[in-house]
Amino acid sequence: MLFSRAGFGSILGLLATGVVLGPWGDELGIAPTQLRQITEFGVVFLLFIIGLEMDPRRLWALRRAVFGLGVAQVVLTGLLLALLALLAGQRWQAAVILGFGLALSSTAFVLQLLEERGESGHTHGRLAFAVLLLQDLAVVPLLTLVPLLAGGAIVEDAEPFWRRALLTLTMLGVVVLFGELLLPRVLDYVARLRNMQAFTSLAVLAVLVAAWALEIAGLSPALGAFLMGMLLSRSRFHHQIQTEVEPFRGWLLSLFFVSVGMSIDLGLLWASLGPILGALLVLIAVKALLLWLLVRLFGAGRGDAVRVALLLAQGGEFAFVLFGAAELAGILSRTTFLETVLLISLSMAATPMLARLGEVLAQRIEPAHGHAVGLAAAAEKLDRHVIVAGFGRVGRTVGLMLRRAEVPMVALDLDSRTVLEGRRRGFDVHYGNAGDHRVLELAGAGRAVLVVVTLDNPAAAERVVAAVRNFYPGLRTLVRARDLAAADHLTELGATEVVPELTEMSLGLGQRVLAAVALPDDTIERIAAELRADHFARLRRQPGTR
């Protein structure tokens, strides 16, 4: 909470908690390795929730990024890091495992960061998710590679390929049957009984069955949970399922980050400070550079390439599993294993700062180029216009109303696909960060009459309000907020007017209720106006009210 309040994000705070607890882990009866094995289920629940929110058509649209960009990233990064490990004196078998293991990134860290910042649906968020999905798939062949590189009896006793393939298909069938046919019918029965304890149990059971089935097949448990989420995303219960599972995801994932912090051995770090910090810098530099080049080759802009490169520059939690198996097989020495665990943990700890650096660099790169030139040319023709910050569903609705009223407008958004979609619909939409005063200047803020902030990310909305207040104090701002508490905060920051969407939604619902019981229109409008003016003003004075 303290780290979030300071603007560093909750993940860094949880890591710091783990570092503080680490030296006393034995006295507290908490072994970091055992804790991490349990809390890795947080990643499983996270992938399940992502699957619930994932439209199959959207996943199909990502196929080029998953199997093109993702495969290229794992193969090229793995080979280059393996070469560096070989040059550092590792045996070729160890170098291969180290190279491809370190090529993986942290699904838990990156997806949690994207969720906290409201960027999962942005271009760089989708690209990062696609690469992470392929990396999770790559864990399976990499684990299969361990006994092959170890040699000896392990290879002779390996299960025949046809039997492994049959088992995999069988377990996938179990997941599909459970998620597509059995579970929705049982949930329907339980919902009619209004037994919420049973509903919660079934939601958690769905995750565990999927994870167990794919782990039996030798696949990633997280992929099983993602598949189950995808199957249930078409169910009418998927919102309630997400609500029931969310607390498990939150607790387990938070404890996972704490366990990573506890894995940072400060004694080993101090003893090997130079080599480990050098390896950390090399790891981040190699992964970031290759990712930047690949994302650019796959057609993304420079800003999105920078964001993806620095978001995925760390090591991943599945590397712990891979390196543990390699140590047991005799491929990695105990010292190498401990040093790589420390290296990955430190790279994870650096992720929030790397993500922030990526955002700063991206904002500096893009306004100074083609997008900004096009924006300036378009805004030159405008006067007494409206600037719309964020052109998602809410922004498009505002844009439609402005177009119907023939009010001139220009819109800004940081998702290139949203920009393209808006332009196809005939709107004047440009790629740009409305929280940057230079972009506001290019959008003609000095001649505008209003800035409408429709962003659903509170931190981004606050940056826009601050930029307008600091550089264009006479320009009015109308801001979307989630609730009354957020509205109060934005008003304190200098917003001219704030619309709390939950309040307005409840008022709109109430007005329809009154209309349904045949009250006159003028009576309905009077009651709604009184509530806006009086009742919600009193609610603001009640602590903890939303």
Protein backbone atom coordinates (compact mmCIF):
# COMPACT_ATOMS: atom_id res chain seq x y z
CA MET A 1 0.00 0.00 0.00
CA LEU A 2 2.81 2.40 0.91
CA PHE A 3 4.70 1.70 -2.33
CA SER A 4 1.52 2.16 -4.38
CA ARG A 5 0.85 5.46 -2.62
CA ALA A 6 4.37 6.60 -3.45
CA GLY A 7 3.80 5.78 -7.12
CA PHE A 8 6.08 2.72 -7.34
CA GLY A 9 3.31 0.12 -7.65
CA SER A 10 2.32 -2.69 -5.31
CA ILE A 11 4.67 -5.31 -6.82
CA LEU A 12 7.83 -3.47 -5.73
CA GLY A 13 6.36 -3.15 -2.23
CA LEU A 14 5.68 -6.89 -2.05
CA LEU A 15 9.22 -7.65 -3.22
CA ALA A 16 10.60 -5.30 -0.56
CA THR A 17 8.48 -7.10 2.04
CA GLY A 18 10.03 -10.40 0.94
CA VAL A 19 13.56 -9.00 1.13
CA VAL A 20 12.90 -7.79 4.70
CA LEU A 21 11.36 -11.15 5.73
CA GLY A 22 14.03 -13.23 3.96
CA PRO A 23 16.70 -13.40 6.71
CA TRP A 24 14.06 -14.48 9.25
CA GLY A 25 12.33 -17.02 7.00
CA ASP A 26 13.63 -20.04 8.96
CA GLU A 27 12.62 -18.57 12.33
CA LEU A 28 9.14 -17.85 10.94
CA GLY A 29 8.88 -21.36 9.51
CA ILE A 30 8.66 -19.99 5.94
CA ALA A 31 10.93 -21.57 3.33
CA PRO A 32 11.03 -19.32 0.21
CA THR A 33 11.19 -22.30 -2.18
CA GLN A 34 8.22 -24.08 -0.61
CA LEU A 35 6.25 -20.82 -0.40
CA ARG A 36 6.93 -20.12 -4.08
CA GLN A 37 5.77 -23.61 -5.09
CA ILE A 38 2.43 -22.97 -3.38
CA THR A 39 2.02 -19.38 -4.50
CA GLU A 40 2.80 -20.17 -8.14
CA PHE A 41 -0.90 -21.07 -8.19
CA GLY A 42 -1.37 -17.30 -8.23
CA VAL A 43 -0.02 -17.35 -11.80
CA VAL A 44 -2.48 -20.17 -12.57
CA PHE A 45 -5.44 -18.14 -11.28
CA LEU A 46 -4.15 -15.05 -13.12
CA LEU A 47 -4.13 -16.92 -16.46
CA PHE A 48 -7.61 -18.28 -15.70
CA ILE A 49 -8.98 -14.75 -15.23
CA ILE A 50 -7.25 -13.59 -18.42
CA GLY A 51 -8.88 -16.51 -20.24
CA LEU A 52 -12.27 -15.48 -18.86
CA GLU A 53 -11.79 -12.00 -20.32
CA MET A 54 -10.36 -13.24 -23.63
CA ASP A 55 -12.69 -13.35 -26.61
CA PRO A 56 -11.59 -16.35 -28.81
CA ARG A 57 -11.71 -14.03 -31.82
CA ARG A 58 -9.24 -11.72 -30.09
CA LEU A 59 -6.89 -14.65 -29.47
CA TRP A 60 -7.14 -15.64 -33.13
CA ALA A 61 -6.25 -12.07 -34.08
CA LEU A 62 -3.05 -12.45 -32.01
CA ARG A 63 -1.90 -15.62 -33.82
CA ARG A 64 0.79 -13.81 -35.83
CA ALA A 65 2.21 -12.20 -32.69
CA VAL A 66 2.07 -15.46 -30.70
CA PHE A 67 3.58 -17.83 -33.26
CA GLY A 68 5.67 -15.29 -35.16
CA LEU A 69 7.01 -12.74 -32.69
CA GLY A 70 6.87 -15.18 -29.75
CA VAL A 71 8.79 -17.98 -31.48
CA ALA A 72 11.38 -15.57 -32.87
CA GLN A 73 11.92 -14.04 -29.42
CA VAL A 74 12.43 -17.36 -27.62
CA VAL A 75 14.68 -18.90 -30.29
CA LEU A 76 16.91 -15.90 -31.01
CA THR A 77 17.21 -14.74 -27.39
CA GLY A 78 17.83 -18.32 -26.22
CA LEU A 79 20.59 -18.90 -28.77
CA LEU A 80 22.35 -15.60 -28.05
CA LEU A 81 22.22 -16.05 -24.26
CA ALA A 82 23.40 -19.68 -24.65
CA LEU A 83 26.39 -18.44 -26.67
CA LEU A 84 27.23 -15.91 -23.95
CA ALA A 85 26.98 -18.64 -21.27
CA LEU A 86 29.29 -20.84 -23.36
CA LEU A 87 31.82 -18.01 -23.64
CA ALA A 88 31.58 -17.56 -19.85
CA GLY A 89 32.86 -21.11 -19.36
CA GLN A 90 29.67 -23.19 -18.99
CA ARG A 91 29.42 -26.66 -20.58
CA TRP A 92 27.32 -26.64 -23.74
CA GLN A 93 24.47 -28.56 -22.07
CA ALA A 94 24.31 -26.04 -19.22
CA ALA A 95 24.64 -23.14 -21.67
CA VAL A 96 21.60 -24.33 -23.65
CA ILE A 97 19.43 -24.61 -20.53
CA LEU A 98 20.65 -21.28 -19.17
CA GLY A 99 20.17 -19.49 -22.48
CA PHE A 100 16.63 -20.66 -23.18
CA GLY A 101 15.61 -20.49 -19.51
CA LEU A 102 16.70 -16.85 -19.24
CA ALA A 103 14.93 -16.08 -22.53
CA LEU A 104 11.63 -16.54 -20.68
CA SER A 105 9.98 -13.54 -19.00
CA SER A 106 7.74 -13.22 -15.95
CA THR A 107 4.07 -13.70 -16.79
CA ALA A 108 3.07 -12.77 -13.23
CA PHE A 109 5.01 -9.50 -13.09
CA VAL A 110 4.20 -8.23 -16.56
CA LEU A 111 0.49 -9.05 -16.58
CA GLN A 112 0.03 -7.64 -13.07
CA LEU A 113 1.80 -4.42 -14.10
CA LEU A 114 -0.31 -4.11 -17.24
CA GLU A 115 -3.47 -4.68 -15.20
CA GLU A 116 -2.49 -2.10 -12.56
CA ARG A 117 -1.76 0.49 -15.25
CA GLY A 118 -4.85 -0.31 -17.32
CA GLU A 119 -2.73 -1.15 -20.39
CA SER A 120 -3.74 -4.76 -21.08
CA GLY A 121 -5.79 -3.71 -24.11
CA HIS A 122 -3.18 -1.34 -25.56
CA THR A 123 -0.99 -2.39 -28.48
CA HIS A 124 2.10 -3.01 -26.33
CA GLY A 125 -0.05 -4.87 -23.79
CA ARG A 126 -1.40 -7.24 -26.45
CA LEU A 127 2.06 -7.83 -27.92
CA ALA A 128 3.56 -8.53 -24.49
CA PHE A 129 0.74 -10.97 -23.70
CA ALA A 130 1.26 -12.78 -27.03
CA VAL A 131 4.98 -13.27 -26.34
CA LEU A 132 4.30 -14.45 -22.78
CA LEU A 133 1.73 -16.96 -24.02
CA LEU A 134 4.25 -18.50 -26.42
CA GLN A 135 6.89 -18.56 -23.67
CA ASP A 136 4.51 -20.53 -21.46
CA LEU A 137 4.07 -23.00 -24.32
CA ALA A 138 7.86 -23.19 -24.69
CA VAL A 139 8.27 -24.40 -21.09
CA VAL A 140 7.04 -27.85 -22.13
CA PRO A 141 9.71 -28.66 -24.77
CA LEU A 142 12.38 -27.04 -22.59
CA LEU A 143 11.53 -29.34 -19.66
CA THR A 144 11.55 -32.29 -22.09
CA LEU A 145 15.03 -31.19 -23.20
CA VAL A 146 16.50 -31.55 -19.68
CA PRO A 147 16.68 -35.39 -19.56
CA LEU A 148 17.91 -35.49 -23.16
CA LEU A 149 20.82 -33.19 -22.30
CA ALA A 150 21.51 -35.12 -19.07
CA GLY A 151 21.90 -38.39 -21.04
CA GLY A 152 22.12 -41.86 -19.53
CA ALA A 153 19.20 -43.89 -18.23
CA ILE A 154 16.86 -40.94 -18.07
CA VAL A 155 16.61 -40.95 -21.85
CA GLU A 156 16.17 -44.73 -22.05
CA ASP A 157 13.30 -44.66 -19.55
CA ALA A 158 11.56 -41.75 -21.28
CA GLU A 159 7.94 -42.36 -22.17
CA PRO A 160 7.23 -43.14 -25.88
CA PHE A 161 6.10 -40.19 -27.92
CA TRP A 162 2.81 -41.77 -29.00
CA ARG A 163 1.85 -42.43 -25.37
CA ARG A 164 2.71 -38.85 -24.35
CA ALA A 165 0.71 -37.47 -27.29
CA LEU A 166 -2.28 -39.67 -26.41
CA LEU A 167 -2.13 -38.56 -22.77
CA THR A 168 -1.94 -34.90 -23.83
CA LEU A 169 -4.97 -35.22 -26.11
CA THR A 170 -6.88 -37.09 -23.37
CA MET A 171 -6.17 -34.40 -20.76
CA LEU A 172 -7.11 -31.63 -23.20
CA GLY A 173 -10.36 -33.53 -23.81
CA VAL A 174 -10.98 -33.67 -20.04
CA VAL A 175 -10.57 -29.90 -19.77
CA VAL A 176 -12.85 -29.22 -22.75
CA LEU A 177 -15.56 -31.61 -21.55
CA PHE A 178 -15.42 -30.24 -18.01
CA GLY A 179 -15.44 -26.60 -19.08
CA GLU A 180 -17.77 -26.80 -22.08
CA LEU A 181 -20.38 -29.39 -21.06
CA LEU A 182 -20.34 -30.37 -17.39
CA LEU A 183 -19.46 -27.23 -15.42
CA PRO A 184 -21.96 -24.78 -17.05
CA ARG A 185 -24.84 -27.19 -16.29
CA VAL A 186 -23.76 -27.66 -12.68
CA LEU A 187 -23.29 -23.91 -12.23
CA ASP A 188 -26.76 -23.31 -13.61
CA TYR A 189 -28.22 -25.76 -11.06
CA VAL A 190 -26.24 -24.22 -8.17
CA ALA A 191 -27.20 -20.67 -9.22
CA ARG A 192 -30.88 -21.61 -9.15
CA LEU A 193 -30.39 -22.94 -5.60
CA ARG A 194 -28.65 -19.63 -4.70
CA ASN A 195 -25.88 -21.61 -2.97
CA MET A 196 -22.93 -19.21 -3.30
CA GLN A 197 -20.56 -21.39 -1.25
CA ALA A 198 -21.01 -24.20 -3.76
CA PHE A 199 -20.65 -21.71 -6.64
CA THR A 200 -17.32 -20.48 -5.25
CA SER A 201 -16.11 -24.05 -4.72
CA LEU A 202 -16.99 -25.00 -8.29
CA ALA A 203 -15.22 -21.92 -9.69
CA VAL A 204 -12.02 -22.79 -7.82
CA LEU A 205 -12.43 -26.47 -8.75
CA ALA A 206 -12.57 -25.50 -12.44
CA VAL A 207 -9.15 -23.85 -12.15
CA LEU A 208 -7.61 -26.74 -10.23
CA VAL A 209 -8.99 -29.44 -12.56
CA ALA A 210 -7.61 -27.64 -15.62
CA ALA A 211 -4.21 -27.07 -14.00
CA TRP A 212 -4.02 -30.69 -12.78
CA ALA A 213 -5.04 -32.15 -16.15
CA LEU A 214 -2.39 -30.31 -18.14
CA GLU A 215 0.29 -30.89 -15.52
CA ILE A 216 -0.44 -34.65 -15.77
CA ALA A 217 0.06 -34.28 -19.53
CA GLY A 218 3.41 -32.57 -18.96
CA LEU A 219 2.13 -29.14 -20.00
CA SER A 220 2.06 -25.88 -18.06
CA PRO A 221 -0.69 -25.76 -15.39
CA ALA A 222 -1.15 -22.07 -16.18
CA LEU A 223 -2.00 -22.94 -19.80
CA GLY A 224 -4.66 -25.35 -18.56
CA ALA A 225 -6.20 -22.61 -16.45
CA PHE A 226 -6.09 -20.21 -19.44
CA LEU A 227 -7.88 -22.78 -21.63
CA MET A 228 -10.55 -23.33 -18.95
CA GLY A 229 -11.05 -19.59 -18.69
CA MET A 230 -11.47 -19.35 -22.46
CA LEU A 231 -14.11 -22.10 -22.39
CA LEU A 232 -16.05 -20.39 -19.60
CA SER A 233 -15.75 -16.91 -21.14
CA ARG A 234 -18.83 -17.67 -23.26
CA SER A 235 -20.84 -18.74 -20.20
CA ARG A 236 -23.38 -16.28 -18.80
CA PHE A 237 -21.80 -16.91 -15.39
CA HIS A 238 -18.31 -15.73 -16.36
CA HIS A 239 -18.55 -12.37 -14.51
CA GLN A 240 -19.62 -14.08 -11.29
CA ILE A 241 -16.93 -16.75 -11.71
CA GLN A 242 -14.31 -14.00 -12.02
CA THR A 243 -15.64 -12.34 -8.86
CA GLU A 244 -15.37 -15.59 -6.91
CA VAL A 245 -11.87 -16.47 -8.12
CA GLU A 246 -10.35 -12.98 -7.90
CA PRO A 247 -9.55 -13.10 -4.13
CA PHE A 248 -7.59 -16.35 -4.57
CA ARG A 249 -5.64 -14.81 -7.43
CA GLY A 250 -4.91 -11.66 -5.42
CA TRP A 251 -3.65 -13.40 -2.29
CA LEU A 252 -1.61 -16.11 -4.00
CA LEU A 253 -0.02 -13.75 -6.52
CA SER A 254 0.85 -11.24 -3.79
CA LEU A 255 2.49 -14.00 -1.75
CA PHE A 256 4.32 -15.15 -4.90
CA PHE A 257 5.98 -11.74 -5.18
CA VAL A 258 6.86 -11.88 -1.48
CA SER A 259 8.46 -15.33 -2.01
CA VAL A 260 10.54 -13.96 -4.88
CA GLY A 261 11.78 -11.19 -2.59
CA MET A 262 12.67 -13.78 0.06
CA SER A 263 14.71 -15.67 -2.57
CA ILE A 264 17.08 -12.72 -2.88
CA ASP A 265 20.03 -13.99 -0.82
CA LEU A 266 21.69 -10.77 0.37
CA GLY A 267 24.77 -12.68 1.58
CA LEU A 268 25.35 -14.31 -1.82
CA LEU A 269 24.59 -10.99 -3.52
CA TRP A 270 27.24 -9.21 -1.47
CA ALA A 271 29.80 -11.98 -2.03
CA SER A 272 29.27 -11.99 -5.82
CA LEU A 273 28.09 -8.41 -6.31
CA GLY A 274 30.20 -7.56 -9.36
CA PRO A 275 29.57 -10.69 -11.48
CA ILE A 276 25.84 -10.83 -10.65
CA LEU A 277 25.20 -7.14 -11.38
CA GLY A 278 27.20 -7.50 -14.60
CA ALA A 279 25.12 -10.54 -15.61
CA LEU A 280 21.95 -8.62 -14.73
CA LEU A 281 22.89 -5.72 -17.00
CA VAL A 282 23.84 -8.09 -19.83
CA LEU A 283 20.56 -10.03 -19.47
CA ILE A 284 18.39 -6.90 -19.56
CA ALA A 285 20.38 -5.32 -22.41
CA VAL A 286 20.35 -8.45 -24.62
CA LYS A 287 16.65 -9.21 -24.11
CA ALA A 288 15.55 -5.60 -24.50
CA LEU A 289 17.58 -5.00 -27.66
CA LEU A 290 16.41 -8.19 -29.38
CA LEU A 291 12.79 -7.57 -28.37
CA TRP A 292 12.92 -4.00 -29.66
CA LEU A 293 14.25 -5.15 -33.03
CA LEU A 294 11.73 -7.99 -33.35
CA VAL A 295 8.72 -5.88 -32.34
CA ARG A 296 9.75 -3.26 -34.89
CA LEU A 297 10.15 -5.96 -37.57
CA PHE A 298 6.60 -7.11 -36.81
CA GLY A 299 5.27 -3.66 -37.60
CA ALA A 300 4.81 -1.95 -34.22
CA GLY A 301 5.79 1.67 -33.63
CA ARG A 302 8.97 2.71 -31.87
CA GLY A 303 7.16 3.68 -28.69
CA ASP A 304 5.35 0.34 -28.42
CA ALA A 305 8.61 -1.48 -29.21
CA VAL A 306 10.37 0.30 -26.33
CA ARG A 307 7.52 -0.49 -23.94
CA VAL A 308 7.46 -4.20 -24.85
CA ALA A 309 11.26 -4.51 -24.79
CA LEU A 310 11.63 -3.15 -21.27
CA LEU A 311 8.49 -4.89 -19.97
CA LEU A 312 9.84 -8.33 -20.96
CA ALA A 313 13.55 -7.81 -20.21
CA GLN A 314 13.48 -9.74 -16.91
CA GLY A 315 13.75 -13.45 -16.17
CA GLY A 316 10.61 -15.51 -15.53
CA GLU A 317 9.15 -17.66 -12.78
CA PHE A 318 9.10 -20.77 -15.00
CA ALA A 319 12.91 -20.56 -15.21
CA PHE A 320 12.98 -21.48 -11.50
CA VAL A 321 11.25 -24.76 -12.42
CA LEU A 322 13.50 -25.37 -15.44
CA PHE A 323 16.75 -24.67 -13.58
CA GLY A 324 15.61 -26.77 -10.60
CA ALA A 325 15.06 -29.73 -12.93
CA ALA A 326 18.45 -29.10 -14.57
CA GLU A 327 20.18 -29.10 -11.18
CA LEU A 328 18.54 -32.40 -10.20
CA ALA A 329 19.65 -33.88 -13.54
CA GLY A 330 23.24 -32.77 -12.91
CA ILE A 331 23.34 -30.25 -15.77
CA LEU A 332 23.69 -27.20 -13.48
CA SER A 333 25.88 -27.04 -10.39
CA ARG A 334 24.37 -25.97 -7.06
CA THR A 335 26.32 -22.67 -7.17
CA THR A 336 25.13 -21.89 -10.69
CA PHE A 337 21.55 -22.67 -9.70
CA LEU A 338 21.65 -20.33 -6.67
CA GLU A 339 23.27 -17.55 -8.72
CA THR A 340 20.66 -17.84 -11.49
CA VAL A 341 17.82 -17.75 -8.93
CA LEU A 342 19.32 -14.55 -7.53
CA LEU A 343 19.79 -13.13 -11.04
CA ILE A 344 16.16 -13.80 -12.02
CA SER A 345 14.86 -12.44 -8.71
CA LEU A 346 16.83 -9.21 -9.13
CA SER A 347 15.64 -8.83 -12.72
CA MET A 348 12.04 -9.25 -11.52
CA ALA A 349 12.61 -6.64 -8.83
CA ALA A 350 13.80 -4.24 -11.53
CA THR A 351 10.68 -4.77 -13.68
CA PRO A 352 8.52 -1.91 -12.28
CA MET A 353 11.38 0.55 -12.79
CA LEU A 354 12.09 -0.80 -16.29
CA ALA A 355 8.40 -0.45 -17.18
CA ARG A 356 8.41 3.15 -16.00
CA LEU A 357 11.59 3.84 -17.99
CA GLY A 358 9.94 2.32 -21.07
CA GLU A 359 6.94 4.62 -20.67
CA VAL A 360 9.15 7.71 -20.30
CA LEU A 361 11.25 6.80 -23.36
CA ALA A 362 8.16 5.98 -25.44
CA GLN A 363 6.57 9.33 -24.61
CA ARG A 364 9.76 11.12 -25.64
CA ILE A 365 10.10 9.17 -28.88
CA GLU A 366 6.62 9.44 -30.36
CA PRO A 367 5.39 13.03 -29.98
CA ALA A 368 8.44 14.30 -31.84
CA HIS A 369 7.70 12.36 -35.04
CA GLY A 370 4.98 11.62 -37.55
CA HIS A 371 2.05 11.43 -35.16
CA ALA A 372 2.81 14.83 -33.71
CA VAL A 373 3.24 16.41 -37.14
CA GLY A 374 -0.14 15.09 -38.28
CA LEU A 375 -1.76 16.26 -35.04
CA ALA A 376 -0.34 19.76 -35.33
CA ALA A 377 -1.51 20.05 -38.96
CA ALA A 378 -5.01 18.90 -38.05
CA ALA A 379 -5.31 21.15 -34.98
CA GLU A 380 -4.19 24.27 -36.88
CA LYS A 381 -7.60 24.34 -38.59
CA LEU A 382 -9.51 24.13 -35.31
CA ASP A 383 -10.72 26.86 -32.99
CA ARG A 384 -12.97 26.66 -29.93
CA HIS A 385 -12.83 22.89 -30.24
CA VAL A 386 -13.00 20.00 -27.76
CA ILE A 387 -10.02 17.75 -27.02
CA VAL A 388 -11.05 14.17 -26.11
CA ALA A 389 -8.39 12.31 -24.11
CA GLY A 390 -9.00 8.58 -24.64
CA PHE A 391 -11.03 7.24 -27.55
CA GLY A 392 -12.31 3.91 -26.26
CA ARG A 393 -16.01 3.13 -25.95
CA VAL A 394 -16.76 6.17 -23.77
CA GLY A 395 -14.64 8.47 -25.90
CA ARG A 396 -16.31 7.27 -29.11
CA THR A 397 -19.74 7.94 -27.63
CA VAL A 398 -18.68 11.49 -26.72
CA GLY A 399 -17.25 11.87 -30.23
CA LEU A 400 -20.51 10.75 -31.83
CA MET A 401 -22.47 13.30 -29.81
CA LEU A 402 -20.03 16.10 -30.69
CA ARG A 403 -20.24 15.14 -34.37
CA ARG A 404 -24.06 15.15 -34.27
CA ALA A 405 -23.95 18.60 -32.63
CA GLU A 406 -21.36 19.76 -35.23
CA VAL A 407 -18.86 20.74 -32.52
CA PRO A 408 -15.23 20.51 -33.74
CA MET A 409 -13.05 18.02 -31.88
CA VAL A 410 -9.70 16.25 -31.89
CA ALA A 411 -9.07 13.01 -29.97
CA LEU A 412 -5.89 11.52 -28.48
CA ASP A 413 -5.18 7.89 -27.57
CA LEU A 414 -2.11 5.76 -26.84
CA ASP A 415 -3.46 2.60 -28.49
CA SER A 416 -2.57 2.59 -32.18
CA ARG A 417 -5.40 0.17 -33.03
CA THR A 418 -7.92 2.44 -31.32
CA VAL A 419 -6.55 5.35 -33.34
CA LEU A 420 -6.91 3.42 -36.60
CA GLU A 421 -10.42 2.26 -35.70
CA GLY A 422 -11.45 5.83 -34.84
CA ARG A 423 -10.11 7.12 -38.15
CA ARG A 424 -11.98 4.41 -40.06
CA ARG A 425 -15.15 5.74 -38.44
CA GLY A 426 -14.33 9.23 -39.70
CA PHE A 427 -13.07 10.81 -36.47
CA ASP A 428 -10.02 13.06 -36.13
CA VAL A 429 -8.05 10.75 -33.80
CA HIS A 430 -4.28 10.92 -33.25
CA TYR A 431 -1.71 8.88 -31.38
CA GLY A 432 -0.49 10.90 -28.41
CA ASN A 433 -0.29 11.17 -24.63
CA ALA A 434 -2.75 13.80 -23.43
CA GLY A 435 -0.83 13.97 -20.15
CA ASP A 436 2.12 15.55 -22.00
CA HIS A 437 1.80 19.35 -22.27
CA ARG A 438 3.67 19.30 -25.60
CA VAL A 439 1.02 17.02 -27.12
CA LEU A 440 -1.73 19.27 -25.72
CA GLU A 441 -0.04 22.24 -27.37
CA LEU A 442 0.03 20.41 -30.70
CA ALA A 443 -3.67 19.60 -30.24
CA GLY A 444 -4.39 23.33 -30.02
CA ALA A 445 -5.14 23.44 -26.28
CA GLY A 446 -4.59 27.20 -26.30
CA ARG A 447 -7.59 27.62 -28.61
CA ALA A 448 -9.76 24.80 -27.21
CA VAL A 449 -12.83 25.32 -24.99
CA LEU A 450 -12.77 22.00 -23.16
CA VAL A 451 -10.74 18.85 -22.51
CA VAL A 452 -12.85 15.73 -21.95
CA VAL A 453 -10.94 12.97 -20.13
CA THR A 454 -12.58 9.56 -20.72
CA LEU A 455 -9.60 7.41 -19.62
CA ASP A 456 -10.43 4.49 -17.32
CA ASN A 457 -6.93 4.51 -15.80
CA PRO A 458 -7.04 6.85 -12.75
CA ALA A 459 -3.29 7.60 -12.84
CA ALA A 460 -3.45 8.54 -16.54
CA ALA A 461 -6.50 10.75 -15.94
CA GLU A 462 -4.69 12.51 -13.10
CA ARG A 463 -1.70 13.22 -15.38
CA VAL A 464 -3.98 14.85 -17.96
CA VAL A 465 -5.70 17.01 -15.33
CA ALA A 466 -2.32 18.06 -13.91
CA ALA A 467 -0.95 18.93 -17.35
CA VAL A 468 -3.99 21.11 -18.17
CA ARG A 469 -3.96 22.78 -14.75
CA ASN A 470 -0.21 23.56 -14.93
CA PHE A 471 0.07 24.71 -18.55
CA TYR A 472 -3.47 25.81 -19.52
CA PRO A 473 -5.08 26.99 -16.26
CA GLY A 474 -7.96 28.71 -18.09
CA LEU A 475 -8.98 25.57 -19.99
CA ARG A 476 -11.92 23.64 -18.53
CA THR A 477 -11.64 19.86 -17.90
CA LEU A 478 -14.54 17.42 -17.75
CA VAL A 479 -13.30 14.11 -16.35
CA ARG A 480 -14.73 10.61 -16.10
CA ALA A 481 -14.28 8.98 -12.68
CA ARG A 482 -15.28 5.60 -11.33
CA ASP A 483 -16.89 6.69 -8.05
CA LEU A 484 -17.35 9.60 -5.66
CA ALA A 485 -13.98 9.13 -3.94
CA ALA A 486 -12.14 9.27 -7.28
CA ALA A 487 -14.25 12.29 -8.27
CA ASP A 488 -13.25 14.15 -5.09
CA HIS A 489 -9.57 13.39 -5.71
CA LEU A 490 -9.70 14.64 -9.31
CA THR A 491 -11.52 17.79 -8.18
CA GLU A 492 -8.74 18.45 -5.66
CA LEU A 493 -6.19 18.08 -8.47
CA GLY A 494 -7.93 20.84 -10.42
CA ALA A 495 -10.58 19.19 -12.64
CA THR A 496 -13.37 21.64 -13.48
CA GLU A 497 -16.10 19.00 -13.38
CA VAL A 498 -16.03 15.27 -12.69
CA VAL A 499 -18.68 12.71 -13.64
CA PRO A 500 -18.64 9.63 -11.36
CA GLU A 501 -19.87 6.91 -13.70
CA LEU A 502 -21.24 4.60 -10.99
CA THR A 503 -23.29 7.48 -9.58
CA GLU A 504 -24.64 8.46 -12.99
CA MET A 505 -25.37 4.83 -13.85
CA SER A 506 -27.35 4.38 -10.62
CA LEU A 507 -29.25 7.61 -11.25
CA GLY A 508 -30.05 6.53 -14.81
CA LEU A 509 -31.27 3.16 -13.54
CA GLY A 510 -33.38 4.90 -10.89
CA GLN A 511 -34.94 7.19 -13.50
CA ARG A 512 -35.93 4.16 -15.60
CA VAL A 513 -37.44 2.52 -12.54
CA LEU A 514 -39.57 5.61 -11.89
CA ALA A 515 -40.61 5.72 -15.55
CA ALA A 516 -41.59 2.03 -15.37
CA VAL A 517 -43.99 2.79 -12.50
CA ALA A 518 -45.58 5.55 -14.64
CA LEU A 519 -44.33 8.69 -12.86
CA PRO A 520 -44.45 11.89 -14.99
CA ASP A 521 -41.23 12.91 -16.76
CA ASP A 522 -40.96 16.26 -14.94
CA THR A 523 -41.24 14.49 -11.55
CA ILE A 524 -38.47 12.04 -12.54
CA GLU A 525 -36.16 14.85 -13.67
CA ARG A 526 -36.84 16.83 -10.48
CA ILE A 527 -36.01 13.85 -8.23
CA ALA A 528 -32.80 13.11 -10.16
CA ALA A 529 -31.73 16.77 -9.98
CA GLU A 530 -32.37 16.88 -6.24
CA LEU A 531 -30.32 13.74 -5.70
CA ARG A 532 -27.41 15.16 -7.70
CA ALA A 533 -27.51 18.45 -5.83
CA ASP A 534 -28.17 17.27 -2.28
CA HIS A 535 -28.11 13.57 -1.59
CA PHE A 536 -24.72 12.75 -3.16
CA ALA A 537 -23.21 15.86 -1.61
CA ARG A 538 -24.13 14.38 1.79
CA LEU A 539 -22.72 10.99 0.75
CA ARG A 540 -19.35 12.61 0.11
CA ARG A 541 -19.20 13.68 3.74
CA GLN A 542 -19.71 10.10 4.96
CA PRO A 543 -16.36 8.31 5.41
CA GLY A 544 -15.84 5.22 3.28
CA THR A 545 -18.89 5.85 1.07
CA ARG A 546 -18.74 4.90 -2.61
